Amino acid sequence: MATQDQRRQATRASLVEAARTLMRRDGVTGTTTRAILEAAKVSRGAMYHHFTSLEDLIAAVYEDEAQGAIKRAVRHHPPSDSPIGDLLGVCLAWLDELANPQVARILAVEGPSALGWQRCRDIEAKHSLAPMIAWLDAASHKGEIDIASSDLVARILNAALTEAALSIIHSPKKKPARSQAVNTFQQIVNGLRTGAN
């Protein structure tokens, strides 16, 4: 028999999944509270027990999607003995995650449209900056790179990676756009390597 905590978690997960499905199919403008409640088969009171507003539920969908894309990218690139190589490999795997139109729709279109770029940026940073900083610190300690601030470099790389993803998503020719984005991002990261300049 499920505990109360398990039932709460199941209700929350149902709401997030229902909202995600509707956002992918109908966009934010077509994702109403009523439609989510019907799809999740929960009451309005249950929804507001977990989320203070529809925007908070959309933020939860965005965060879940962002976390999922990062986790899959990390799994896709097995760790090596090169922290800077690992950073690059995971970042390129993340670009591939955004090649999935459903993932891209949440992370690059619907989420930012509903939440604004700043809130989305804050959510992304919570999950992507910490591992980037860790890789940069490790690469610096190993002598692969020589940088003044891992935090600042991580923020710059995160911004460059986001722009690379958007350039692919908004291009009518995905293959050449991806190739150009990958090459450019590789040049940026490889430019950090000791002796690159």
N, C-alpha and C. Protein backbone atom coordinates (compact mmCIF):
# COMPACT_ATOMS: atom_id res chain seq x y z
N MET A 1 0.85 -1.19 0.00
CA MET A 1 0.00 0.00 0.00
C MET A 1 0.89 1.25 0.00
N ALA A 2 0.54 2.21 -0.86
CA ALA A 2 1.35 3.43 -1.00
C ALA A 2 1.22 4.32 0.23
N THR A 3 2.34 4.91 0.63
CA THR A 3 2.32 5.85 1.75
C THR A 3 1.79 7.19 1.26
N GLN A 4 1.48 8.07 2.21
CA GLN A 4 0.98 9.40 1.85
C GLN A 4 2.02 10.15 1.02
N ASP A 5 3.29 10.02 1.40
CA ASP A 5 4.37 10.69 0.66
C ASP A 5 4.47 10.16 -0.77
N GLN A 6 4.32 8.85 -0.93
CA GLN A 6 4.36 8.25 -2.27
C GLN A 6 3.19 8.73 -3.11
N ARG A 7 2.02 8.86 -2.49
CA ARG A 7 0.84 9.36 -3.22
C ARG A 7 1.04 10.82 -3.65
N ARG A 8 1.65 11.61 -2.74
CA ARG A 8 1.93 13.02 -3.07
C ARG A 8 2.90 13.10 -4.26
N GLN A 9 3.94 12.30 -4.20
CA GLN A 9 4.92 12.30 -5.28
C GLN A 9 4.30 11.86 -6.60
N ALA A 10 3.42 10.86 -6.52
CA ALA A 10 2.75 10.35 -7.73
C ALA A 10 1.84 11.42 -8.33
N THR A 11 1.13 12.16 -7.46
CA THR A 11 0.25 13.23 -7.94
C THR A 11 1.07 14.32 -8.62
N ARG A 12 2.16 14.71 -7.97
CA ARG A 12 3.03 15.75 -8.55
C ARG A 12 3.58 15.30 -9.90
N ALA A 13 4.05 14.05 -9.97
CA ALA A 13 4.59 13.53 -11.22
C ALA A 13 3.53 13.49 -12.32
N SER A 14 2.30 13.14 -11.96
CA SER A 14 1.20 13.12 -12.94
C SER A 14 0.91 14.50 -13.49
N LEU A 15 0.94 15.49 -12.61
CA LEU A 15 0.70 16.88 -13.05
C LEU A 15 1.80 17.35 -13.98
N VAL A 16 3.06 17.08 -13.63
CA VAL A 16 4.19 17.50 -14.47
C VAL A 16 4.12 16.81 -15.82
N GLU A 17 3.83 15.52 -15.82
CA GLU A 17 3.80 14.78 -17.09
C GLU A 17 2.62 15.23 -17.97
N ALA A 18 1.47 15.48 -17.35
CA ALA A 18 0.31 15.97 -18.11
C ALA A 18 0.62 17.33 -18.73
N ALA A 19 1.20 18.23 -17.94
CA ALA A 19 1.55 19.56 -18.45
C ALA A 19 2.59 19.46 -19.57
N ARG A 20 3.58 18.58 -19.41
CA ARG A 20 4.61 18.41 -20.44
C ARG A 20 3.98 17.93 -21.76
N THR A 21 3.12 16.94 -21.67
CA THR A 21 2.47 16.39 -22.87
C THR A 21 1.65 17.46 -23.58
N LEU A 22 0.90 18.25 -22.81
CA LEU A 22 0.08 19.31 -23.40
C LEU A 22 0.94 20.42 -24.00
N MET A 23 2.03 20.79 -23.30
CA MET A 23 2.93 21.83 -23.83
C MET A 23 3.56 21.40 -25.15
N ARG A 24 3.94 20.14 -25.23
CA ARG A 24 4.53 19.64 -26.47
C ARG A 24 3.52 19.63 -27.61
N ARG A 25 2.28 19.30 -27.28
CA ARG A 25 1.25 19.17 -28.32
C ARG A 25 0.60 20.51 -28.66
N ASP A 26 0.25 21.29 -27.63
CA ASP A 26 -0.57 22.48 -27.84
C ASP A 26 0.15 23.80 -27.56
N GLY A 27 1.39 23.72 -27.10
CA GLY A 27 2.10 24.93 -26.72
C GLY A 27 1.58 25.48 -25.40
N VAL A 28 2.24 26.50 -24.91
CA VAL A 28 1.85 27.09 -23.62
C VAL A 28 0.46 27.69 -23.70
N THR A 29 0.16 28.35 -24.81
CA THR A 29 -1.15 29.02 -24.92
C THR A 29 -2.30 28.02 -24.90
N GLY A 30 -2.05 26.80 -25.34
CA GLY A 30 -3.11 25.78 -25.33
C GLY A 30 -3.11 24.91 -24.09
N THR A 31 -2.19 25.19 -23.18
CA THR A 31 -2.07 24.38 -21.96
C THR A 31 -2.77 25.10 -20.81
N THR A 32 -4.02 24.74 -20.61
CA THR A 32 -4.81 25.38 -19.56
C THR A 32 -4.80 24.53 -18.29
N THR A 33 -5.12 25.18 -17.20
CA THR A 33 -5.21 24.45 -15.93
C THR A 33 -6.25 23.33 -16.04
N ARG A 34 -7.36 23.63 -16.64
CA ARG A 34 -8.44 22.64 -16.78
C ARG A 34 -7.97 21.43 -17.58
N ALA A 35 -7.26 21.68 -18.70
CA ALA A 35 -6.77 20.58 -19.53
C ALA A 35 -5.78 19.71 -18.76
N ILE A 36 -4.92 20.36 -17.97
CA ILE A 36 -3.94 19.60 -17.16
C ILE A 36 -4.65 18.74 -16.13
N LEU A 37 -5.64 19.32 -15.44
CA LEU A 37 -6.37 18.57 -14.41
C LEU A 37 -7.09 17.36 -15.01
N GLU A 38 -7.67 17.55 -16.18
CA GLU A 38 -8.36 16.43 -16.84
C GLU A 38 -7.37 15.35 -17.25
N ALA A 39 -6.23 15.76 -17.82
CA ALA A 39 -5.23 14.79 -18.27
C ALA A 39 -4.59 14.05 -17.10
N ALA A 40 -4.35 14.77 -16.00
CA ALA A 40 -3.69 14.16 -14.83
C ALA A 40 -4.69 13.43 -13.93
N LYS A 41 -5.99 13.70 -14.15
CA LYS A 41 -7.06 13.12 -13.34
C LYS A 41 -6.88 13.45 -11.85
N VAL A 42 -6.65 14.73 -11.59
CA VAL A 42 -6.55 15.20 -10.21
C VAL A 42 -7.43 16.44 -10.04
N SER A 43 -7.68 16.79 -8.80
CA SER A 43 -8.53 17.96 -8.51
C SER A 43 -7.71 19.24 -8.55
N ARG A 44 -8.40 20.35 -8.67
CA ARG A 44 -7.75 21.66 -8.65
C ARG A 44 -7.03 21.87 -7.31
N GLY A 45 -7.66 21.45 -6.23
CA GLY A 45 -7.04 21.57 -4.91
C GLY A 45 -5.73 20.81 -4.82
N ALA A 46 -5.71 19.61 -5.43
CA ALA A 46 -4.48 18.80 -5.42
C ALA A 46 -3.37 19.50 -6.19
N MET A 47 -3.75 20.13 -7.30
CA MET A 47 -2.74 20.84 -8.09
C MET A 47 -2.15 21.99 -7.29
N TYR A 48 -3.02 22.78 -6.65
CA TYR A 48 -2.54 23.95 -5.92
C TYR A 48 -1.87 23.58 -4.59
N HIS A 49 -2.01 22.32 -4.20
CA HIS A 49 -1.25 21.83 -3.05
C HIS A 49 0.23 21.71 -3.42
N HIS A 50 0.48 21.39 -4.69
CA HIS A 50 1.86 21.18 -5.17
C HIS A 50 2.46 22.42 -5.84
N PHE A 51 1.61 23.20 -6.51
CA PHE A 51 2.09 24.36 -7.28
C PHE A 51 1.23 25.57 -6.97
N THR A 52 1.88 26.70 -6.74
CA THR A 52 1.12 27.90 -6.38
C THR A 52 0.40 28.51 -7.58
N SER A 53 0.85 28.16 -8.80
CA SER A 53 0.24 28.73 -9.99
C SER A 53 0.56 27.84 -11.19
N LEU A 54 -0.11 28.11 -12.30
CA LEU A 54 0.19 27.39 -13.54
C LEU A 54 1.63 27.65 -13.97
N GLU A 55 2.11 28.88 -13.75
CA GLU A 55 3.49 29.21 -14.11
C GLU A 55 4.49 28.36 -13.32
N ASP A 56 4.19 28.12 -12.06
CA ASP A 56 5.08 27.27 -11.25
C ASP A 56 5.09 25.84 -11.76
N LEU A 57 3.95 25.35 -12.22
CA LEU A 57 3.90 24.00 -12.80
C LEU A 57 4.70 23.96 -14.10
N ILE A 58 4.58 25.00 -14.92
CA ILE A 58 5.35 25.06 -16.16
C ILE A 58 6.85 25.11 -15.85
N ALA A 59 7.22 25.84 -14.79
CA ALA A 59 8.62 25.89 -14.37
C ALA A 59 9.11 24.51 -13.96
N ALA A 60 8.23 23.73 -13.29
CA ALA A 60 8.60 22.37 -12.88
C ALA A 60 8.81 21.48 -14.10
N VAL A 61 7.97 21.66 -15.12
CA VAL A 61 8.15 20.91 -16.37
C VAL A 61 9.48 21.28 -17.01
N TYR A 62 9.75 22.57 -17.08
CA TYR A 62 11.00 23.05 -17.69
C TYR A 62 12.20 22.50 -16.93
N GLU A 63 12.16 22.55 -15.60
CA GLU A 63 13.28 22.08 -14.80
C GLU A 63 13.47 20.57 -14.97
N ASP A 64 12.38 19.83 -15.00
CA ASP A 64 12.46 18.38 -15.18
C ASP A 64 13.06 18.05 -16.54
N GLU A 65 12.65 18.79 -17.57
CA GLU A 65 13.17 18.57 -18.92
C GLU A 65 14.66 18.93 -18.99
N ALA A 66 15.03 20.03 -18.35
CA ALA A 66 16.44 20.46 -18.35
C ALA A 66 17.31 19.43 -17.64
N GLN A 67 16.86 18.97 -16.46
CA GLN A 67 17.60 17.95 -15.72
C GLN A 67 17.73 16.67 -16.53
N GLY A 68 16.64 16.26 -17.17
CA GLY A 68 16.65 15.02 -17.96
C GLY A 68 17.64 15.10 -19.10
N ALA A 69 17.66 16.23 -19.81
CA ALA A 69 18.58 16.39 -20.95
C ALA A 69 20.02 16.34 -20.49
N ILE A 70 20.31 16.98 -19.35
CA ILE A 70 21.69 16.98 -18.83
C ILE A 70 22.09 15.58 -18.38
N LYS A 71 21.20 14.88 -17.66
CA LYS A 71 21.52 13.53 -17.19
C LYS A 71 21.77 12.58 -18.36
N ARG A 72 20.94 12.68 -19.41
CA ARG A 72 21.14 11.80 -20.58
C ARG A 72 22.45 12.13 -21.28
N ALA A 73 22.79 13.42 -21.36
CA ALA A 73 24.05 13.82 -21.99
C ALA A 73 25.24 13.27 -21.21
N VAL A 74 25.17 13.32 -19.89
CA VAL A 74 26.26 12.79 -19.05
C VAL A 74 26.39 11.28 -19.25
N ARG A 75 25.25 10.57 -19.30
CA ARG A 75 25.29 9.12 -19.52
C ARG A 75 25.87 8.77 -20.89
N HIS A 76 25.61 9.64 -21.87
CA HIS A 76 26.04 9.38 -23.24
C HIS A 76 27.56 9.48 -23.40
N HIS A 77 28.21 10.27 -22.54
CA HIS A 77 29.65 10.47 -22.65
C HIS A 77 30.35 9.84 -21.44
N PRO A 78 30.93 8.64 -21.62
CA PRO A 78 31.61 8.00 -20.49
C PRO A 78 32.80 8.84 -20.02
N PRO A 79 33.04 8.90 -18.70
CA PRO A 79 34.16 9.71 -18.18
C PRO A 79 35.50 9.22 -18.72
N SER A 80 36.41 10.15 -18.90
CA SER A 80 37.76 9.82 -19.38
C SER A 80 38.77 10.39 -18.38
N ASP A 81 40.05 10.37 -18.76
CA ASP A 81 41.07 10.95 -17.88
C ASP A 81 41.32 12.42 -18.20
N SER A 82 40.46 13.00 -19.06
CA SER A 82 40.61 14.40 -19.43
C SER A 82 39.35 15.18 -19.02
N PRO A 83 39.40 15.95 -17.93
CA PRO A 83 38.22 16.72 -17.52
C PRO A 83 37.73 17.69 -18.59
N ILE A 84 38.65 18.33 -19.31
CA ILE A 84 38.19 19.28 -20.35
C ILE A 84 37.57 18.52 -21.51
N GLY A 85 38.09 17.30 -21.78
CA GLY A 85 37.48 16.45 -22.80
C GLY A 85 36.10 15.99 -22.39
N ASP A 86 35.94 15.69 -21.09
CA ASP A 86 34.62 15.29 -20.58
C ASP A 86 33.62 16.44 -20.69
N LEU A 87 34.06 17.64 -20.32
CA LEU A 87 33.19 18.81 -20.43
C LEU A 87 32.72 18.98 -21.88
N LEU A 88 33.67 18.90 -22.81
CA LEU A 88 33.33 19.07 -24.22
C LEU A 88 32.40 17.96 -24.70
N GLY A 89 32.71 16.72 -24.34
CA GLY A 89 31.89 15.60 -24.78
C GLY A 89 30.46 15.67 -24.28
N VAL A 90 30.29 16.04 -23.01
CA VAL A 90 28.93 16.14 -22.45
C VAL A 90 28.18 17.31 -23.07
N CYS A 91 28.87 18.42 -23.29
CA CYS A 91 28.21 19.58 -23.92
C CYS A 91 27.72 19.23 -25.34
N LEU A 92 28.54 18.51 -26.09
CA LEU A 92 28.13 18.13 -27.45
C LEU A 92 26.99 17.11 -27.41
N ALA A 93 27.01 16.22 -26.41
CA ALA A 93 25.90 15.27 -26.24
C ALA A 93 24.62 16.02 -25.88
N TRP A 94 24.75 17.12 -25.10
CA TRP A 94 23.58 17.94 -24.76
C TRP A 94 23.00 18.60 -26.01
N LEU A 95 23.89 19.04 -26.91
CA LEU A 95 23.39 19.60 -28.18
C LEU A 95 22.56 18.57 -28.93
N ASP A 96 23.01 17.31 -28.90
CA ASP A 96 22.25 16.24 -29.55
C ASP A 96 20.89 16.03 -28.88
N GLU A 97 20.83 16.22 -27.55
CA GLU A 97 19.55 16.12 -26.85
C GLU A 97 18.55 17.12 -27.41
N LEU A 98 19.03 18.31 -27.71
CA LEU A 98 18.14 19.35 -28.23
C LEU A 98 17.81 19.16 -29.71
N ALA A 99 18.39 18.14 -30.32
CA ALA A 99 17.99 17.79 -31.68
C ALA A 99 16.63 17.10 -31.67
N ASN A 100 16.24 16.61 -30.48
CA ASN A 100 14.91 16.02 -30.32
C ASN A 100 13.90 17.17 -30.27
N PRO A 101 12.99 17.24 -31.25
CA PRO A 101 12.05 18.38 -31.32
C PRO A 101 11.21 18.55 -30.06
N GLN A 102 10.86 17.44 -29.38
CA GLN A 102 10.03 17.55 -28.17
C GLN A 102 10.81 18.18 -27.03
N VAL A 103 12.09 17.81 -26.90
CA VAL A 103 12.94 18.41 -25.86
C VAL A 103 13.16 19.88 -26.19
N ALA A 104 13.48 20.15 -27.46
CA ALA A 104 13.74 21.53 -27.89
C ALA A 104 12.51 22.41 -27.70
N ARG A 105 11.33 21.85 -27.93
CA ARG A 105 10.12 22.67 -27.80
C ARG A 105 9.95 23.17 -26.36
N ILE A 106 10.20 22.30 -25.39
CA ILE A 106 10.07 22.70 -23.99
C ILE A 106 11.18 23.67 -23.59
N LEU A 107 12.45 23.32 -23.94
CA LEU A 107 13.60 24.09 -23.44
C LEU A 107 13.89 25.36 -24.23
N ALA A 108 13.53 25.38 -25.50
CA ALA A 108 13.91 26.55 -26.32
C ALA A 108 12.72 27.40 -26.77
N VAL A 109 11.51 26.86 -26.68
CA VAL A 109 10.36 27.62 -27.19
C VAL A 109 9.34 27.89 -26.08
N GLU A 110 8.68 26.83 -25.61
CA GLU A 110 7.55 27.00 -24.70
C GLU A 110 7.97 27.48 -23.31
N GLY A 111 9.04 26.88 -22.77
CA GLY A 111 9.50 27.30 -21.43
C GLY A 111 9.86 28.76 -21.38
N PRO A 112 10.78 29.22 -22.25
CA PRO A 112 11.14 30.64 -22.24
C PRO A 112 9.97 31.57 -22.53
N SER A 113 9.04 31.12 -23.39
CA SER A 113 7.87 31.94 -23.71
C SER A 113 7.00 32.16 -22.48
N ALA A 114 6.85 31.12 -21.67
CA ALA A 114 5.98 31.23 -20.50
C ALA A 114 6.68 31.83 -19.29
N LEU A 115 7.97 31.51 -19.13
CA LEU A 115 8.67 31.86 -17.89
C LEU A 115 9.60 33.06 -18.03
N GLY A 116 9.96 33.38 -19.26
CA GLY A 116 10.95 34.44 -19.49
C GLY A 116 12.35 33.84 -19.46
N TRP A 117 13.25 34.48 -20.21
CA TRP A 117 14.60 33.94 -20.34
C TRP A 117 15.35 33.92 -19.01
N GLN A 118 15.13 34.92 -18.15
CA GLN A 118 15.89 34.97 -16.90
C GLN A 118 15.56 33.80 -16.00
N ARG A 119 14.28 33.50 -15.84
CA ARG A 119 13.90 32.37 -14.97
C ARG A 119 14.42 31.06 -15.55
N CYS A 120 14.32 30.91 -16.87
CA CYS A 120 14.83 29.70 -17.52
C CYS A 120 16.34 29.60 -17.33
N ARG A 121 17.01 30.72 -17.48
CA ARG A 121 18.47 30.76 -17.31
C ARG A 121 18.85 30.36 -15.90
N ASP A 122 18.10 30.83 -14.91
CA ASP A 122 18.37 30.49 -13.51
C ASP A 122 18.17 28.99 -13.27
N ILE A 123 17.12 28.43 -13.86
CA ILE A 123 16.86 26.98 -13.70
C ILE A 123 17.98 26.18 -14.36
N GLU A 124 18.32 26.54 -15.59
CA GLU A 124 19.39 25.83 -16.31
C GLU A 124 20.70 25.91 -15.54
N ALA A 125 21.02 27.10 -15.06
CA ALA A 125 22.29 27.31 -14.36
C ALA A 125 22.40 26.42 -13.14
N LYS A 126 21.27 26.21 -12.47
CA LYS A 126 21.26 25.39 -11.26
C LYS A 126 21.75 23.97 -11.55
N HIS A 127 21.46 23.50 -12.75
CA HIS A 127 21.81 22.11 -13.08
C HIS A 127 23.04 21.98 -13.98
N SER A 128 23.33 23.00 -14.76
CA SER A 128 24.44 22.87 -15.71
C SER A 128 25.74 23.52 -15.25
N LEU A 129 25.65 24.59 -14.46
CA LEU A 129 26.88 25.29 -14.07
C LEU A 129 27.74 24.48 -13.10
N ALA A 130 27.12 23.81 -12.14
CA ALA A 130 27.90 23.07 -11.13
C ALA A 130 28.80 22.02 -11.78
N PRO A 131 28.28 21.16 -12.69
CA PRO A 131 29.19 20.20 -13.31
C PRO A 131 30.24 20.86 -14.20
N MET A 132 29.86 21.93 -14.89
CA MET A 132 30.85 22.64 -15.71
C MET A 132 31.99 23.18 -14.85
N ILE A 133 31.63 23.80 -13.73
CA ILE A 133 32.66 24.35 -12.83
C ILE A 133 33.55 23.22 -12.31
N ALA A 134 32.95 22.08 -11.98
CA ALA A 134 33.74 20.94 -11.47
C ALA A 134 34.74 20.46 -12.52
N TRP A 135 34.28 20.34 -13.77
CA TRP A 135 35.20 19.91 -14.85
C TRP A 135 36.30 20.94 -15.07
N LEU A 136 35.94 22.21 -15.05
CA LEU A 136 36.94 23.26 -15.25
C LEU A 136 37.95 23.28 -14.11
N ASP A 137 37.48 23.13 -12.88
CA ASP A 137 38.40 23.06 -11.73
C ASP A 137 39.36 21.88 -11.87
N ALA A 138 38.79 20.72 -12.24
CA ALA A 138 39.62 19.51 -12.39
C ALA A 138 40.63 19.69 -13.52
N ALA A 139 40.18 20.29 -14.63
CA ALA A 139 41.07 20.51 -15.76
C ALA A 139 42.18 21.49 -15.40
N SER A 140 41.84 22.49 -14.60
CA SER A 140 42.82 23.48 -14.15
C SER A 140 43.86 22.84 -13.22
N HIS A 141 43.39 22.02 -12.28
CA HIS A 141 44.30 21.32 -11.36
C HIS A 141 45.20 20.35 -12.10
N LYS A 142 44.69 19.78 -13.17
CA LYS A 142 45.47 18.81 -13.95
C LYS A 142 46.44 19.50 -14.91
N GLY A 143 46.26 20.81 -15.07
CA GLY A 143 47.14 21.56 -15.98
C GLY A 143 46.69 21.56 -17.43
N GLU A 144 45.45 21.10 -17.68
CA GLU A 144 44.93 21.10 -19.05
C GLU A 144 44.58 22.51 -19.52
N ILE A 145 44.15 23.34 -18.57
CA ILE A 145 43.76 24.71 -18.89
C ILE A 145 44.36 25.65 -17.85
N ASP A 146 44.42 26.92 -18.20
CA ASP A 146 44.90 27.94 -17.26
C ASP A 146 43.91 29.09 -17.31
N ILE A 147 43.01 29.14 -16.32
CA ILE A 147 41.96 30.16 -16.30
C ILE A 147 41.93 30.84 -14.95
N ALA A 148 41.44 32.07 -14.92
CA ALA A 148 41.39 32.84 -13.67
C ALA A 148 40.16 32.48 -12.83
N SER A 149 39.04 32.14 -13.48
CA SER A 149 37.80 31.90 -12.74
C SER A 149 36.98 30.80 -13.42
N SER A 150 36.87 29.65 -12.76
CA SER A 150 36.04 28.56 -13.31
C SER A 150 34.58 28.98 -13.40
N ASP A 151 34.12 29.76 -12.41
CA ASP A 151 32.73 30.20 -12.41
C ASP A 151 32.42 31.07 -13.63
N LEU A 152 33.27 32.05 -13.91
CA LEU A 152 33.04 32.93 -15.05
C LEU A 152 33.14 32.17 -16.37
N VAL A 153 34.14 31.33 -16.49
CA VAL A 153 34.30 30.56 -17.73
C VAL A 153 33.10 29.63 -17.94
N ALA A 154 32.61 29.01 -16.86
CA ALA A 154 31.44 28.14 -16.97
C ALA A 154 30.23 28.93 -17.47
N ARG A 155 30.05 30.14 -16.97
CA ARG A 155 28.91 30.96 -17.40
C ARG A 155 29.04 31.34 -18.88
N ILE A 156 30.26 31.65 -19.30
CA ILE A 156 30.48 32.00 -20.71
C ILE A 156 30.24 30.79 -21.60
N LEU A 157 30.76 29.62 -21.18
CA LEU A 157 30.55 28.41 -21.97
C LEU A 157 29.08 28.02 -22.03
N ASN A 158 28.38 28.18 -20.90
CA ASN A 158 26.96 27.86 -20.87
C ASN A 158 26.17 28.76 -21.83
N ALA A 159 26.52 30.04 -21.86
CA ALA A 159 25.86 30.96 -22.78
C ALA A 159 26.17 30.60 -24.23
N ALA A 160 27.44 30.26 -24.50
CA ALA A 160 27.82 29.88 -25.87
C ALA A 160 27.10 28.61 -26.29
N LEU A 161 26.97 27.66 -25.37
CA LEU A 161 26.29 26.40 -25.67
C LEU A 161 24.81 26.64 -25.97
N THR A 162 24.20 27.52 -25.20
CA THR A 162 22.79 27.87 -25.44
C THR A 162 22.62 28.50 -26.82
N GLU A 163 23.50 29.42 -27.17
CA GLU A 163 23.43 30.05 -28.50
C GLU A 163 23.66 29.02 -29.60
N ALA A 164 24.58 28.09 -29.38
CA ALA A 164 24.83 27.03 -30.36
C ALA A 164 23.57 26.20 -30.57
N ALA A 165 22.90 25.84 -29.46
CA ALA A 165 21.66 25.06 -29.56
C ALA A 165 20.58 25.83 -30.32
N LEU A 166 20.42 27.11 -30.00
CA LEU A 166 19.40 27.92 -30.68
C LEU A 166 19.70 28.05 -32.16
N SER A 167 20.97 28.16 -32.52
CA SER A 167 21.33 28.28 -33.94
C SER A 167 20.92 27.02 -34.71
N ILE A 168 21.00 25.86 -34.05
CA ILE A 168 20.58 24.61 -34.70
C ILE A 168 19.06 24.54 -34.78
N ILE A 169 18.41 24.83 -33.65
CA ILE A 169 16.95 24.72 -33.57
C ILE A 169 16.26 25.62 -34.59
N HIS A 170 16.77 26.84 -34.76
CA HIS A 170 16.10 27.80 -35.64
C HIS A 170 16.58 27.75 -37.08
N SER A 171 17.50 26.86 -37.39
CA SER A 171 17.99 26.77 -38.77
C SER A 171 17.11 25.81 -39.58
N PRO A 172 16.78 26.19 -40.83
CA PRO A 172 16.02 25.26 -41.67
C PRO A 172 16.89 24.07 -42.13
N LYS A 173 18.21 24.24 -42.08
CA LYS A 173 19.13 23.16 -42.48
C LYS A 173 19.88 22.69 -41.24
N LYS A 174 19.31 21.67 -40.58
CA LYS A 174 19.81 21.23 -39.28
C LYS A 174 21.23 20.67 -39.34
N LYS A 175 21.53 19.86 -40.36
CA LYS A 175 22.83 19.18 -40.40
C LYS A 175 23.99 20.16 -40.50
N PRO A 176 23.99 21.08 -41.49
CA PRO A 176 25.09 22.04 -41.54
C PRO A 176 25.11 22.98 -40.33
N ALA A 177 23.93 23.32 -39.80
CA ALA A 177 23.88 24.20 -38.62
C ALA A 177 24.51 23.51 -37.43
N ARG A 178 24.23 22.21 -37.27
CA ARG A 178 24.82 21.46 -36.16
C ARG A 178 26.33 21.37 -36.32
N SER A 179 26.77 21.08 -37.53
CA SER A 179 28.21 20.97 -37.79
C SER A 179 28.92 22.28 -37.45
N GLN A 180 28.34 23.40 -37.87
CA GLN A 180 28.93 24.71 -37.60
C GLN A 180 28.93 25.01 -36.10
N ALA A 181 27.82 24.69 -35.43
CA ALA A 181 27.72 24.95 -33.98
C ALA A 181 28.74 24.10 -33.22
N VAL A 182 28.86 22.83 -33.59
CA VAL A 182 29.80 21.93 -32.92
C VAL A 182 31.23 22.40 -33.13
N ASN A 183 31.58 22.73 -34.36
CA ASN A 183 32.94 23.20 -34.65
C ASN A 183 33.28 24.47 -33.88
N THR A 184 32.32 25.39 -33.83
CA THR A 184 32.54 26.65 -33.12
C THR A 184 32.72 26.41 -31.63
N PHE A 185 31.84 25.57 -31.05
CA PHE A 185 31.95 25.31 -29.62
C PHE A 185 33.26 24.58 -29.30
N GLN A 186 33.65 23.64 -30.16
CA GLN A 186 34.93 22.95 -29.96
C GLN A 186 36.10 23.93 -29.98
N GLN A 187 36.05 24.89 -30.89
CA GLN A 187 37.11 25.89 -30.97
C GLN A 187 37.18 26.71 -29.69
N ILE A 188 36.02 27.07 -29.16
CA ILE A 188 35.98 27.86 -27.92
C ILE A 188 36.60 27.07 -26.77
N VAL A 189 36.17 25.82 -26.60
CA VAL A 189 36.67 25.00 -25.50
C VAL A 189 38.15 24.68 -25.69
N ASN A 190 38.53 24.30 -26.91
CA ASN A 190 39.94 23.96 -27.16
C ASN A 190 40.85 25.17 -27.00
N GLY A 191 40.27 26.37 -27.17
CA GLY A 191 41.06 27.60 -26.97
C GLY A 191 41.46 27.81 -25.52
N LEU A 192 40.79 27.09 -24.60
CA LEU A 192 41.14 27.19 -23.18
C LEU A 192 42.35 26.33 -22.83
N ARG A 193 42.67 25.39 -23.69
CA ARG A 193 43.74 24.44 -23.37
C ARG A 193 45.09 25.15 -23.22
N THR A 194 45.89 24.68 -22.30
CA THR A 194 47.21 25.24 -22.07
C THR A 194 48.03 25.12 -23.34
N GLY A 195 48.64 26.24 -23.74
CA GLY A 195 49.45 26.23 -24.96
C GLY A 195 48.66 26.37 -26.24
N ALA A 196 47.31 26.61 -26.11
CA ALA A 196 46.48 26.74 -27.32
C ALA A 196 46.78 28.04 -28.04
N ASN A 197 47.20 29.08 -27.31
CA ASN A 197 47.43 30.39 -27.93
C ASN A 197 48.92 30.62 -28.19
